N, C-alpha and C. Protein backbone atom coordinates (compact mmCIF):
# COMPACT_ATOMS: atom_id res chain seq x y z
N MET A 1 -48.83 -6.03 16.82
CA MET A 1 -47.38 -6.04 16.77
C MET A 1 -46.88 -7.44 17.13
N ASP A 2 -45.88 -7.91 16.41
CA ASP A 2 -45.31 -9.22 16.69
C ASP A 2 -44.39 -9.14 17.90
N ARG A 3 -44.41 -10.18 18.72
CA ARG A 3 -43.59 -10.20 19.93
C ARG A 3 -42.11 -10.38 19.59
N PHE A 4 -41.79 -11.20 18.59
CA PHE A 4 -40.41 -11.46 18.23
C PHE A 4 -40.10 -10.93 16.83
N ILE A 5 -38.91 -10.33 16.69
CA ILE A 5 -38.48 -9.79 15.41
C ILE A 5 -37.14 -10.44 15.05
N LYS A 6 -37.04 -10.96 13.82
CA LYS A 6 -35.78 -11.53 13.36
C LYS A 6 -34.88 -10.40 12.91
N VAL A 7 -33.67 -10.30 13.51
CA VAL A 7 -32.75 -9.21 13.19
C VAL A 7 -31.52 -9.69 12.43
N TYR A 8 -31.31 -11.02 12.34
CA TYR A 8 -30.17 -11.55 11.62
C TYR A 8 -30.49 -12.96 11.15
N SER A 9 -30.03 -13.29 9.95
CA SER A 9 -30.23 -14.63 9.41
C SER A 9 -29.05 -15.00 8.53
N GLN A 10 -28.59 -16.24 8.68
CA GLN A 10 -27.48 -16.73 7.88
C GLN A 10 -27.74 -18.19 7.53
N GLY A 11 -27.53 -18.56 6.28
CA GLY A 11 -27.64 -19.94 5.84
C GLY A 11 -29.02 -20.32 5.35
N MET A 12 -29.08 -21.48 4.69
CA MET A 12 -30.35 -22.00 4.19
C MET A 12 -30.65 -23.38 4.77
N VAL A 13 -29.67 -24.28 4.75
CA VAL A 13 -29.86 -25.60 5.34
C VAL A 13 -29.39 -25.57 6.79
N ASN A 14 -28.19 -25.04 7.00
CA ASN A 14 -27.65 -24.84 8.34
C ASN A 14 -27.91 -23.37 8.70
N VAL A 15 -28.98 -23.13 9.42
CA VAL A 15 -29.47 -21.78 9.66
C VAL A 15 -29.07 -21.28 11.04
N VAL A 16 -28.63 -20.02 11.10
CA VAL A 16 -28.40 -19.32 12.36
C VAL A 16 -29.18 -18.01 12.27
N GLU A 17 -30.04 -17.76 13.27
CA GLU A 17 -30.83 -16.52 13.29
C GLU A 17 -30.75 -15.89 14.68
N VAL A 18 -30.89 -14.59 14.73
CA VAL A 18 -30.99 -13.87 15.99
C VAL A 18 -32.36 -13.21 16.02
N TRP A 19 -33.10 -13.47 17.10
CA TRP A 19 -34.44 -12.93 17.30
C TRP A 19 -34.44 -12.05 18.54
N VAL A 20 -35.20 -10.96 18.51
CA VAL A 20 -35.32 -10.05 19.65
C VAL A 20 -36.75 -10.06 20.14
N ASP A 21 -36.92 -10.26 21.46
CA ASP A 21 -38.22 -10.18 22.11
C ASP A 21 -38.54 -8.70 22.29
N THR A 22 -39.58 -8.21 21.63
CA THR A 22 -39.89 -6.78 21.66
C THR A 22 -40.40 -6.31 23.01
N GLU A 23 -40.85 -7.20 23.88
CA GLU A 23 -41.33 -6.80 25.21
C GLU A 23 -40.19 -6.70 26.22
N THR A 24 -39.23 -7.62 26.15
CA THR A 24 -38.14 -7.63 27.14
C THR A 24 -36.82 -7.13 26.57
N GLY A 25 -36.67 -7.15 25.24
CA GLY A 25 -35.42 -6.76 24.60
C GLY A 25 -34.36 -7.85 24.57
N VAL A 26 -34.65 -9.02 25.15
CA VAL A 26 -33.69 -10.12 25.19
C VAL A 26 -33.50 -10.68 23.78
N ASN A 27 -32.22 -10.93 23.42
CA ASN A 27 -31.85 -11.51 22.13
C ASN A 27 -31.74 -13.02 22.27
N TYR A 28 -32.20 -13.74 21.26
CA TYR A 28 -32.14 -15.19 21.24
C TYR A 28 -31.46 -15.66 19.97
N VAL A 29 -30.70 -16.76 20.08
CA VAL A 29 -30.08 -17.39 18.91
C VAL A 29 -30.88 -18.63 18.58
N PHE A 30 -31.29 -18.74 17.32
CA PHE A 30 -31.97 -19.94 16.82
C PHE A 30 -31.03 -20.62 15.86
N ARG A 31 -30.81 -21.92 16.06
CA ARG A 31 -29.92 -22.70 15.19
C ARG A 31 -30.69 -23.88 14.66
N LYS A 32 -30.66 -24.07 13.34
CA LYS A 32 -31.34 -25.20 12.70
C LYS A 32 -30.35 -25.88 11.78
N ASP A 33 -30.32 -27.21 11.88
CA ASP A 33 -29.45 -28.02 11.02
C ASP A 33 -30.27 -29.21 10.57
N GLY A 34 -30.76 -29.18 9.33
CA GLY A 34 -31.63 -30.25 8.84
C GLY A 34 -32.97 -30.22 9.56
N TYR A 35 -33.31 -31.33 10.23
CA TYR A 35 -34.59 -31.43 10.94
C TYR A 35 -34.48 -31.08 12.43
N ALA A 36 -33.28 -30.75 12.90
CA ALA A 36 -33.08 -30.42 14.31
C ALA A 36 -32.89 -28.92 14.46
N GLY A 37 -33.30 -28.39 15.61
CA GLY A 37 -33.14 -26.97 15.86
C GLY A 37 -33.22 -26.67 17.33
N GLY A 38 -32.80 -25.46 17.69
CA GLY A 38 -32.87 -25.06 19.09
C GLY A 38 -32.82 -23.55 19.23
N LEU A 39 -33.31 -23.08 20.37
CA LEU A 39 -33.38 -21.66 20.66
C LEU A 39 -32.80 -21.45 22.05
N THR A 40 -31.93 -20.44 22.20
CA THR A 40 -31.33 -20.14 23.49
C THR A 40 -31.06 -18.65 23.58
N PRO A 41 -31.05 -18.09 24.79
CA PRO A 41 -30.70 -16.67 24.92
C PRO A 41 -29.27 -16.42 24.44
N LEU A 42 -29.05 -15.28 23.81
CA LEU A 42 -27.72 -14.86 23.38
C LEU A 42 -27.04 -14.23 24.58
N LEU A 43 -25.85 -14.73 24.94
CA LEU A 43 -25.15 -14.26 26.13
C LEU A 43 -23.94 -13.42 25.76
N ASP A 44 -23.61 -12.45 26.63
CA ASP A 44 -22.41 -11.64 26.43
C ASP A 44 -21.21 -12.34 27.06
N LYS A 45 -20.07 -11.69 27.09
CA LYS A 45 -18.84 -12.32 27.59
C LYS A 45 -18.90 -12.62 29.08
N ASP A 46 -19.81 -11.98 29.82
CA ASP A 46 -19.96 -12.22 31.26
C ASP A 46 -21.05 -13.26 31.55
N GLY A 47 -21.66 -13.80 30.49
CA GLY A 47 -22.71 -14.81 30.68
C GLY A 47 -24.09 -14.24 30.95
N LYS A 48 -24.26 -12.93 30.73
CA LYS A 48 -25.55 -12.29 30.92
C LYS A 48 -26.25 -12.15 29.57
N PRO A 49 -27.59 -12.22 29.56
CA PRO A 49 -28.32 -12.09 28.30
C PRO A 49 -28.07 -10.74 27.63
N VAL A 50 -27.95 -10.77 26.31
CA VAL A 50 -27.82 -9.53 25.53
C VAL A 50 -29.20 -8.92 25.42
N VAL A 51 -29.33 -7.65 25.81
CA VAL A 51 -30.62 -6.96 25.78
C VAL A 51 -30.52 -5.77 24.84
N THR A 52 -31.45 -5.70 23.89
CA THR A 52 -31.54 -4.57 22.97
C THR A 52 -32.55 -3.58 23.54
N PRO A 53 -32.13 -2.33 23.72
CA PRO A 53 -33.07 -1.33 24.30
C PRO A 53 -34.24 -1.04 23.38
């Protein structure tokens, strides 16, 4: 089983994706623009990580 599952994807050159860690349930946002990219936890309005049960 894969640890991370992509649950959302938008764009081709300027990419935004949401990945879920299947062990912890934490959601992550991946952003790619050309040759640069980054990954960070997805936070709710209170600044806490979004967790998928």
